[in-house]
Amino acid sequence: MARVFIGLGSNQGDRPEHLSRALQALSAEPGVRVVQMATIIETAPVGGPPQGPYLNTAAELDTTLEPSVLLSLLKRIERQQGRQPQAERWSPRPIDLDLLLYDDRILQDAALTIPHPRMHQRRFVLEPLAQLAPDVMHPLAQKTIRQLFAECALSCA
């Protein structure tokens, strides 16, 4: 089993319901177990067109799925919950699911980068992730999530 962390966000429709439904969909998948979820926080959007605030959280998963298969699952859940392909980056969305960390793997290909390439610059990612995994090491930065969050608290969006 791999220890995986995902970020969840929603700023359209019934935001708490979108987060809950995404976790339920993940839990229903063979080879995926939701271990825990961080507290939900409300955050201002970063970039993109004018839009409403997000609800953000993070979840820890145990999975037997390989990273690319897990990413496909996350994208399928997004589509099932009404997320449309975005013409503009950082557009509003009912649900956003990001694969943040997959054990201590480092992976970069056309479809997937692990660890998530901007997670260390995003307070809305690090704050809930620090609740779940403060001592987990970011495999590229060689700092704990706690350290990254402390640094981000001073300078991040």
N, C-alpha and C. Protein backbone atom coordinates (compact mmCIF):
# COMPACT_ATOMS: atom_id res chain seq x y z
N MET A 1 0.83 -1.19 0.00
CA MET A 1 0.00 0.00 0.00
C MET A 1 0.87 1.25 0.00
N ALA A 2 0.50 2.19 -0.81
CA ALA A 2 1.19 3.48 -0.85
C ALA A 2 0.43 4.48 0.02
N ARG A 3 1.18 5.33 0.68
CA ARG A 3 0.60 6.43 1.47
C ARG A 3 0.57 7.65 0.56
N VAL A 4 -0.64 8.17 0.34
CA VAL A 4 -0.86 9.23 -0.64
C VAL A 4 -1.61 10.37 0.02
N PHE A 5 -1.31 11.60 -0.43
CA PHE A 5 -2.04 12.77 0.04
C PHE A 5 -2.60 13.49 -1.17
N ILE A 6 -3.88 13.86 -1.06
CA ILE A 6 -4.53 14.63 -2.12
C ILE A 6 -5.06 15.93 -1.53
N GLY A 7 -5.15 16.93 -2.39
CA GLY A 7 -5.80 18.18 -2.04
C GLY A 7 -7.18 18.21 -2.68
N LEU A 8 -8.14 18.76 -1.95
CA LEU A 8 -9.51 18.87 -2.45
C LEU A 8 -9.94 20.32 -2.33
N GLY A 9 -10.63 20.81 -3.34
CA GLY A 9 -11.15 22.17 -3.31
C GLY A 9 -12.45 22.27 -4.07
N SER A 10 -13.28 23.25 -3.68
CA SER A 10 -14.55 23.49 -4.35
C SER A 10 -14.95 24.94 -4.15
N ASN A 11 -15.41 25.58 -5.25
CA ASN A 11 -15.95 26.93 -5.08
C ASN A 11 -17.20 27.17 -5.92
N GLN A 12 -17.89 26.11 -6.28
CA GLN A 12 -19.15 26.23 -6.99
C GLN A 12 -20.18 25.29 -6.36
N GLY A 13 -21.42 25.76 -6.32
CA GLY A 13 -22.50 24.91 -5.84
C GLY A 13 -22.40 24.63 -4.35
N ASP A 14 -22.85 23.45 -3.96
CA ASP A 14 -22.83 23.04 -2.55
C ASP A 14 -21.42 22.54 -2.23
N ARG A 15 -20.56 23.45 -1.86
CA ARG A 15 -19.14 23.14 -1.69
C ARG A 15 -18.88 22.00 -0.70
N PRO A 16 -19.48 22.03 0.50
CA PRO A 16 -19.24 20.90 1.42
C PRO A 16 -19.69 19.56 0.84
N GLU A 17 -20.80 19.59 0.12
CA GLU A 17 -21.32 18.35 -0.48
C GLU A 17 -20.36 17.83 -1.56
N HIS A 18 -19.80 18.71 -2.35
CA HIS A 18 -18.84 18.28 -3.38
C HIS A 18 -17.63 17.59 -2.73
N LEU A 19 -17.10 18.17 -1.65
CA LEU A 19 -15.96 17.56 -0.97
C LEU A 19 -16.34 16.20 -0.41
N SER A 20 -17.50 16.13 0.23
CA SER A 20 -17.96 14.87 0.82
C SER A 20 -18.17 13.80 -0.24
N ARG A 21 -18.81 14.16 -1.34
CA ARG A 21 -19.06 13.19 -2.41
C ARG A 21 -17.77 12.68 -3.03
N ALA A 22 -16.77 13.55 -3.15
CA ALA A 22 -15.49 13.12 -3.72
C ALA A 22 -14.84 12.07 -2.81
N LEU A 23 -14.86 12.32 -1.51
CA LEU A 23 -14.27 11.34 -0.58
C LEU A 23 -15.06 10.04 -0.57
N GLN A 24 -16.39 10.13 -0.67
CA GLN A 24 -17.21 8.91 -0.73
C GLN A 24 -16.88 8.12 -1.99
N ALA A 25 -16.72 8.82 -3.11
CA ALA A 25 -16.39 8.13 -4.37
C ALA A 25 -15.04 7.45 -4.27
N LEU A 26 -14.07 8.12 -3.66
CA LEU A 26 -12.75 7.51 -3.47
C LEU A 26 -12.85 6.27 -2.59
N SER A 27 -13.61 6.37 -1.50
CA SER A 27 -13.76 5.25 -0.57
C SER A 27 -14.41 4.04 -1.22
N ALA A 28 -15.24 4.27 -2.21
CA ALA A 28 -15.95 3.18 -2.87
C ALA A 28 -15.09 2.44 -3.89
N GLU A 29 -13.93 2.97 -4.21
CA GLU A 29 -13.07 2.36 -5.22
C GLU A 29 -12.23 1.23 -4.63
N PRO A 30 -12.16 0.09 -5.32
CA PRO A 30 -11.25 -0.98 -4.88
C PRO A 30 -9.81 -0.46 -4.90
N GLY A 31 -9.05 -0.81 -3.89
CA GLY A 31 -7.65 -0.41 -3.84
C GLY A 31 -7.42 0.97 -3.28
N VAL A 32 -8.47 1.63 -2.77
CA VAL A 32 -8.33 2.96 -2.17
C VAL A 32 -9.03 2.96 -0.82
N ARG A 33 -8.31 3.47 0.18
CA ARG A 33 -8.90 3.63 1.52
C ARG A 33 -8.60 5.05 1.99
N VAL A 34 -9.66 5.80 2.31
CA VAL A 34 -9.47 7.12 2.88
C VAL A 34 -9.14 6.94 4.35
N VAL A 35 -7.95 7.38 4.75
CA VAL A 35 -7.47 7.21 6.12
C VAL A 35 -7.97 8.33 7.01
N GLN A 36 -7.79 9.58 6.54
CA GLN A 36 -8.23 10.73 7.32
C GLN A 36 -8.33 11.95 6.43
N MET A 37 -9.09 12.93 6.93
CA MET A 37 -9.26 14.19 6.21
C MET A 37 -8.97 15.32 7.18
N ALA A 38 -8.34 16.37 6.69
CA ALA A 38 -8.05 17.55 7.51
C ALA A 38 -9.31 18.40 7.66
N THR A 39 -9.24 19.37 8.53
CA THR A 39 -10.29 20.35 8.70
C THR A 39 -10.47 21.12 7.39
N ILE A 40 -11.72 21.43 7.07
CA ILE A 40 -12.01 22.22 5.87
C ILE A 40 -11.79 23.69 6.21
N ILE A 41 -11.09 24.38 5.31
CA ILE A 41 -10.85 25.81 5.48
C ILE A 41 -11.43 26.56 4.27
N GLU A 42 -11.81 27.81 4.49
CA GLU A 42 -12.27 28.66 3.39
C GLU A 42 -11.14 29.58 3.00
N THR A 43 -10.89 29.67 1.69
CA THR A 43 -9.76 30.46 1.21
C THR A 43 -10.17 31.29 0.00
N ALA A 44 -9.46 32.38 -0.21
CA ALA A 44 -9.67 33.20 -1.39
C ALA A 44 -9.07 32.48 -2.60
N PRO A 45 -9.67 32.64 -3.78
CA PRO A 45 -9.09 32.02 -4.97
C PRO A 45 -7.74 32.64 -5.31
N VAL A 46 -6.89 31.83 -5.92
CA VAL A 46 -5.57 32.28 -6.37
C VAL A 46 -5.58 32.30 -7.88
N GLY A 47 -5.35 33.46 -8.48
CA GLY A 47 -5.31 33.57 -9.93
C GLY A 47 -6.69 33.41 -10.55
N GLY A 48 -6.72 33.47 -11.86
CA GLY A 48 -7.94 33.24 -12.60
C GLY A 48 -8.90 34.40 -12.58
N PRO A 49 -10.08 34.18 -13.16
CA PRO A 49 -11.09 35.23 -13.23
C PRO A 49 -11.72 35.49 -11.85
N PRO A 50 -12.46 36.58 -11.70
CA PRO A 50 -13.17 36.82 -10.43
C PRO A 50 -14.09 35.63 -10.13
N GLN A 51 -14.06 35.20 -8.87
CA GLN A 51 -14.85 34.03 -8.47
C GLN A 51 -14.98 33.99 -6.96
N GLY A 52 -15.86 33.13 -6.50
CA GLY A 52 -16.11 33.00 -5.07
C GLY A 52 -15.03 32.24 -4.35
N PRO A 53 -15.08 32.26 -3.01
CA PRO A 53 -14.07 31.59 -2.21
C PRO A 53 -14.16 30.06 -2.32
N TYR A 54 -13.06 29.44 -2.03
CA TYR A 54 -12.96 27.98 -2.05
C TYR A 54 -13.11 27.41 -0.65
N LEU A 55 -13.60 26.19 -0.60
CA LEU A 55 -13.40 25.34 0.56
C LEU A 55 -12.28 24.39 0.16
N ASN A 56 -11.28 24.27 1.03
CA ASN A 56 -10.12 23.40 0.76
C ASN A 56 -9.88 22.48 1.93
N THR A 57 -9.36 21.31 1.62
CA THR A 57 -8.92 20.36 2.62
C THR A 57 -7.90 19.43 1.98
N ALA A 58 -7.40 18.52 2.76
CA ALA A 58 -6.49 17.48 2.26
C ALA A 58 -6.95 16.16 2.86
N ALA A 59 -6.61 15.09 2.18
CA ALA A 59 -6.95 13.76 2.67
C ALA A 59 -5.75 12.84 2.49
N GLU A 60 -5.64 11.93 3.44
CA GLU A 60 -4.63 10.87 3.36
C GLU A 60 -5.31 9.61 2.87
N LEU A 61 -4.70 8.97 1.90
CA LEU A 61 -5.22 7.72 1.34
C LEU A 61 -4.17 6.63 1.46
N ASP A 62 -4.63 5.41 1.59
CA ASP A 62 -3.80 4.23 1.34
C ASP A 62 -4.32 3.64 0.04
N THR A 63 -3.42 3.30 -0.86
CA THR A 63 -3.86 2.78 -2.15
C THR A 63 -2.89 1.76 -2.73
N THR A 64 -3.46 0.87 -3.49
CA THR A 64 -2.65 -0.06 -4.28
C THR A 64 -2.56 0.42 -5.73
N LEU A 65 -3.26 1.51 -6.06
CA LEU A 65 -3.25 2.04 -7.42
C LEU A 65 -1.93 2.75 -7.70
N GLU A 66 -1.45 2.59 -8.90
CA GLU A 66 -0.26 3.32 -9.34
C GLU A 66 -0.64 4.79 -9.54
N PRO A 67 0.34 5.69 -9.50
CA PRO A 67 0.03 7.12 -9.60
C PRO A 67 -0.82 7.49 -10.81
N SER A 68 -0.50 6.98 -11.99
CA SER A 68 -1.27 7.35 -13.18
C SER A 68 -2.71 6.86 -13.11
N VAL A 69 -2.91 5.69 -12.53
CA VAL A 69 -4.26 5.14 -12.38
C VAL A 69 -5.03 5.97 -11.36
N LEU A 70 -4.37 6.34 -10.27
CA LEU A 70 -5.01 7.18 -9.26
C LEU A 70 -5.38 8.54 -9.85
N LEU A 71 -4.49 9.13 -10.63
CA LEU A 71 -4.79 10.40 -11.27
C LEU A 71 -6.02 10.27 -12.17
N SER A 72 -6.10 9.21 -12.95
CA SER A 72 -7.27 8.98 -13.81
C SER A 72 -8.55 8.88 -12.98
N LEU A 73 -8.46 8.22 -11.85
CA LEU A 73 -9.61 8.12 -10.95
C LEU A 73 -10.03 9.50 -10.44
N LEU A 74 -9.06 10.31 -10.01
CA LEU A 74 -9.37 11.65 -9.53
C LEU A 74 -10.05 12.47 -10.63
N LYS A 75 -9.55 12.39 -11.85
CA LYS A 75 -10.14 13.14 -12.97
C LYS A 75 -11.55 12.63 -13.28
N ARG A 76 -11.76 11.33 -13.18
CA ARG A 76 -13.09 10.76 -13.42
C ARG A 76 -14.09 11.27 -12.37
N ILE A 77 -13.68 11.31 -11.11
CA ILE A 77 -14.55 11.81 -10.05
C ILE A 77 -14.88 13.29 -10.30
N GLU A 78 -13.89 14.07 -10.70
CA GLU A 78 -14.14 15.48 -11.03
C GLU A 78 -15.21 15.59 -12.11
N ARG A 79 -15.09 14.82 -13.17
CA ARG A 79 -16.07 14.88 -14.27
C ARG A 79 -17.45 14.45 -13.79
N GLN A 80 -17.50 13.39 -12.97
CA GLN A 80 -18.78 12.91 -12.46
C GLN A 80 -19.49 13.95 -11.60
N GLN A 81 -18.73 14.84 -10.99
CA GLN A 81 -19.30 15.88 -10.15
C GLN A 81 -19.49 17.19 -10.91
N GLY A 82 -19.37 17.15 -12.22
CA GLY A 82 -19.72 18.29 -13.03
C GLY A 82 -18.58 19.21 -13.43
N ARG A 83 -17.37 18.83 -13.15
CA ARG A 83 -16.25 19.68 -13.58
C ARG A 83 -16.08 19.56 -15.09
N GLN A 84 -16.04 20.71 -15.74
CA GLN A 84 -15.86 20.77 -17.18
C GLN A 84 -14.41 21.12 -17.48
N PRO A 85 -13.92 20.73 -18.66
CA PRO A 85 -12.58 21.18 -19.04
C PRO A 85 -12.53 22.70 -19.01
N GLN A 86 -11.49 23.25 -18.42
CA GLN A 86 -11.38 24.70 -18.23
C GLN A 86 -10.60 25.33 -19.37
N ALA A 87 -11.22 26.34 -19.99
CA ALA A 87 -10.51 27.10 -21.02
C ALA A 87 -9.47 28.01 -20.38
N GLU A 88 -9.76 28.47 -19.18
CA GLU A 88 -8.86 29.38 -18.48
C GLU A 88 -8.35 28.71 -17.22
N ARG A 89 -7.05 28.80 -17.00
CA ARG A 89 -6.45 28.22 -15.81
C ARG A 89 -7.03 28.87 -14.56
N TRP A 90 -7.21 28.07 -13.52
CA TRP A 90 -7.72 28.51 -12.23
C TRP A 90 -9.13 29.07 -12.29
N SER A 91 -9.95 28.53 -13.20
CA SER A 91 -11.35 28.92 -13.29
C SER A 91 -12.13 28.30 -12.13
N PRO A 92 -13.33 28.83 -11.84
CA PRO A 92 -14.17 28.23 -10.80
C PRO A 92 -14.50 26.78 -11.14
N ARG A 93 -14.73 25.99 -10.11
CA ARG A 93 -15.02 24.58 -10.33
C ARG A 93 -15.79 23.99 -9.16
N PRO A 94 -16.66 23.01 -9.45
CA PRO A 94 -17.38 22.36 -8.35
C PRO A 94 -16.44 21.51 -7.49
N ILE A 95 -15.44 20.90 -8.14
CA ILE A 95 -14.50 20.07 -7.39
C ILE A 95 -13.15 20.08 -8.09
N ASP A 96 -12.11 20.12 -7.29
CA ASP A 96 -10.74 20.05 -7.79
C ASP A 96 -10.01 19.05 -6.91
N LEU A 97 -9.45 18.03 -7.52
CA LEU A 97 -8.73 16.98 -6.80
C LEU A 97 -7.30 16.93 -7.33
N ASP A 98 -6.34 17.16 -6.47
CA ASP A 98 -4.93 17.17 -6.87
C ASP A 98 -4.15 16.11 -6.10
N LEU A 99 -3.37 15.36 -6.82
CA LEU A 99 -2.45 14.38 -6.24
C LEU A 99 -1.22 15.15 -5.78
N LEU A 100 -1.02 15.23 -4.47
CA LEU A 100 0.06 16.04 -3.89
C LEU A 100 1.33 15.23 -3.68
N LEU A 101 1.21 14.14 -2.95
CA LEU A 101 2.35 13.29 -2.61
C LEU A 101 1.95 11.83 -2.76
N TYR A 102 2.87 11.02 -3.25
CA TYR A 102 2.65 9.59 -3.39
C TYR A 102 3.88 8.92 -2.80
N ASP A 103 3.75 8.46 -1.54
CA ASP A 103 4.91 7.98 -0.78
C ASP A 103 6.02 9.02 -0.92
N ASP A 104 7.22 8.59 -1.20
CA ASP A 104 8.31 9.55 -1.39
C ASP A 104 8.75 9.59 -2.86
N ARG A 105 7.82 9.23 -3.74
CA ARG A 105 8.13 9.18 -5.17
C ARG A 105 8.31 10.58 -5.77
N ILE A 106 9.19 10.62 -6.73
CA ILE A 106 9.38 11.79 -7.58
C ILE A 106 9.09 11.32 -8.99
N LEU A 107 8.15 11.98 -9.65
CA LEU A 107 7.73 11.55 -10.98
C LEU A 107 7.39 12.79 -11.80
N GLN A 108 7.83 12.80 -13.03
CA GLN A 108 7.45 13.88 -13.93
C GLN A 108 7.31 13.33 -15.33
N ASP A 109 6.09 13.43 -15.85
CA ASP A 109 5.85 13.10 -17.25
C ASP A 109 4.82 14.08 -17.78
N ALA A 110 4.34 13.85 -18.98
CA ALA A 110 3.44 14.81 -19.62
C ALA A 110 2.12 14.97 -18.86
N ALA A 111 1.69 13.93 -18.15
CA ALA A 111 0.38 13.96 -17.49
C ALA A 111 0.44 14.23 -16.00
N LEU A 112 1.59 13.98 -15.36
CA LEU A 112 1.60 13.99 -13.90
C LEU A 112 2.98 14.38 -13.37
N THR A 113 2.97 15.25 -12.39
CA THR A 113 4.19 15.60 -11.66
C THR A 113 3.94 15.36 -10.18
N ILE A 114 4.81 14.56 -9.57
CA ILE A 114 4.75 14.27 -8.13
C ILE A 114 6.13 14.53 -7.57
N PRO A 115 6.24 15.28 -6.48
CA PRO A 115 5.16 15.96 -5.76
C PRO A 115 4.55 17.06 -6.62
N HIS A 116 3.33 17.46 -6.23
CA HIS A 116 2.63 18.51 -6.97
C HIS A 116 3.56 19.72 -7.07
N PRO A 117 3.73 20.27 -8.28
CA PRO A 117 4.78 21.27 -8.49
C PRO A 117 4.59 22.61 -7.77
N ARG A 118 3.38 22.95 -7.35
CA ARG A 118 3.17 24.24 -6.66
C ARG A 118 2.70 24.09 -5.22
N MET A 119 2.67 22.88 -4.72
CA MET A 119 2.12 22.69 -3.38
C MET A 119 2.87 23.47 -2.31
N HIS A 120 4.16 23.62 -2.45
CA HIS A 120 4.97 24.32 -1.45
C HIS A 120 4.75 25.83 -1.47
N GLN A 121 4.01 26.31 -2.48
CA GLN A 121 3.73 27.74 -2.61
C GLN A 121 2.28 28.08 -2.28
N ARG A 122 1.52 27.12 -1.81
CA ARG A 122 0.09 27.30 -1.61
C ARG A 122 -0.31 27.04 -0.16
N ARG A 123 -0.65 28.11 0.52
CA ARG A 123 -1.10 27.98 1.91
C ARG A 123 -2.34 27.08 1.99
N PHE A 124 -3.26 27.20 1.02
CA PHE A 124 -4.49 26.41 1.05
C PHE A 124 -4.22 24.91 0.90
N VAL A 125 -3.05 24.55 0.44
CA VAL A 125 -2.64 23.14 0.37
C VAL A 125 -1.89 22.76 1.65
N LEU A 126 -0.94 23.58 2.04
CA LEU A 126 -0.06 23.23 3.16
C LEU A 126 -0.76 23.28 4.52
N GLU A 127 -1.69 24.20 4.71
CA GLU A 127 -2.35 24.28 6.01
C GLU A 127 -3.10 23.00 6.36
N PRO A 128 -3.98 22.49 5.48
CA PRO A 128 -4.63 21.22 5.84
C PRO A 128 -3.66 20.03 5.80
N LEU A 129 -2.71 20.05 4.89
CA LEU A 129 -1.74 18.95 4.82
C LEU A 129 -0.90 18.88 6.08
N ALA A 130 -0.56 20.02 6.65
CA ALA A 130 0.22 20.05 7.89
C ALA A 130 -0.54 19.45 9.06
N GLN A 131 -1.87 19.48 9.02
CA GLN A 131 -2.67 18.82 10.06
C GLN A 131 -2.51 17.31 10.00
N LEU A 132 -2.45 16.79 8.77
CA LEU A 132 -2.41 15.34 8.57
C LEU A 132 -1.01 14.76 8.64
N ALA A 133 -0.04 15.51 8.14
CA ALA A 133 1.29 14.93 7.92
C ALA A 133 2.40 15.93 8.19
N PRO A 134 2.45 16.51 9.37
CA PRO A 134 3.45 17.55 9.62
C PRO A 134 4.89 17.07 9.47
N ASP A 135 5.14 15.81 9.73
CA ASP A 135 6.50 15.29 9.69
C ASP A 135 6.87 14.57 8.40
N VAL A 136 5.94 14.53 7.46
CA VAL A 136 6.24 13.92 6.16
C VAL A 136 7.21 14.83 5.42
N MET A 137 8.19 14.22 4.80
CA MET A 137 9.23 14.95 4.09
C MET A 137 8.83 15.16 2.62
N HIS A 138 8.93 16.39 2.16
CA HIS A 138 8.76 16.69 0.74
C HIS A 138 10.00 16.14 0.04
N PRO A 139 9.83 15.21 -0.90
CA PRO A 139 11.00 14.52 -1.45
C PRO A 139 11.95 15.39 -2.28
N LEU A 140 11.50 16.51 -2.78
CA LEU A 140 12.39 17.40 -3.52
C LEU A 140 12.97 18.50 -2.64
N ALA A 141 12.13 19.13 -1.85
CA ALA A 141 12.57 20.25 -1.00
C ALA A 141 13.40 19.77 0.18
N GLN A 142 13.25 18.48 0.54
CA GLN A 142 13.94 17.90 1.69
C GLN A 142 13.63 18.70 2.97
N LYS A 143 12.36 19.09 3.08
CA LYS A 143 11.84 19.74 4.27
C LYS A 143 10.54 19.06 4.63
N THR A 144 10.18 19.11 5.91
CA THR A 144 8.90 18.53 6.32
C THR A 144 7.76 19.45 5.89
N ILE A 145 6.58 18.90 5.87
CA ILE A 145 5.40 19.71 5.55
C ILE A 145 5.26 20.81 6.59
N ARG A 146 5.57 20.52 7.84
CA ARG A 146 5.53 21.55 8.89
C ARG A 146 6.46 22.72 8.55
N GLN A 147 7.68 22.41 8.12
CA GLN A 147 8.64 23.45 7.75
C GLN A 147 8.15 24.25 6.54
N LEU A 148 7.64 23.57 5.54
CA LEU A 148 7.13 24.25 4.35
C LEU A 148 5.96 25.17 4.70
N PHE A 149 5.08 24.70 5.59
CA PHE A 149 3.95 25.52 5.99
C PHE A 149 4.42 26.74 6.77
N ALA A 150 5.38 26.57 7.64
CA ALA A 150 5.91 27.72 8.40
C ALA A 150 6.51 28.75 7.46
N GLU A 151 7.26 28.30 6.47
CA GLU A 151 7.85 29.22 5.50
C GLU A 151 6.76 29.88 4.66
N CYS A 152 5.78 29.11 4.27
CA CYS A 152 4.69 29.61 3.43
C CYS A 152 3.84 30.64 4.18
N ALA A 153 3.67 30.44 5.47
CA ALA A 153 2.86 31.36 6.27
C ALA A 153 3.38 32.80 6.16
N LEU A 154 4.64 32.94 5.85
CA LEU A 154 5.24 34.26 5.73
C LEU A 154 5.12 34.85 4.32
N SER A 155 4.94 33.99 3.31
CA SER A 155 5.07 34.52 1.95
C SER A 155 4.12 33.96 0.90
N CYS A 156 3.28 33.03 1.23
CA CYS A 156 2.47 32.33 0.21
C CYS A 156 1.07 32.89 0.07
N ALA A 157 0.48 32.53 -1.08
CA ALA A 157 -0.92 32.87 -1.35
C ALA A 157 -1.83 31.93 -0.59
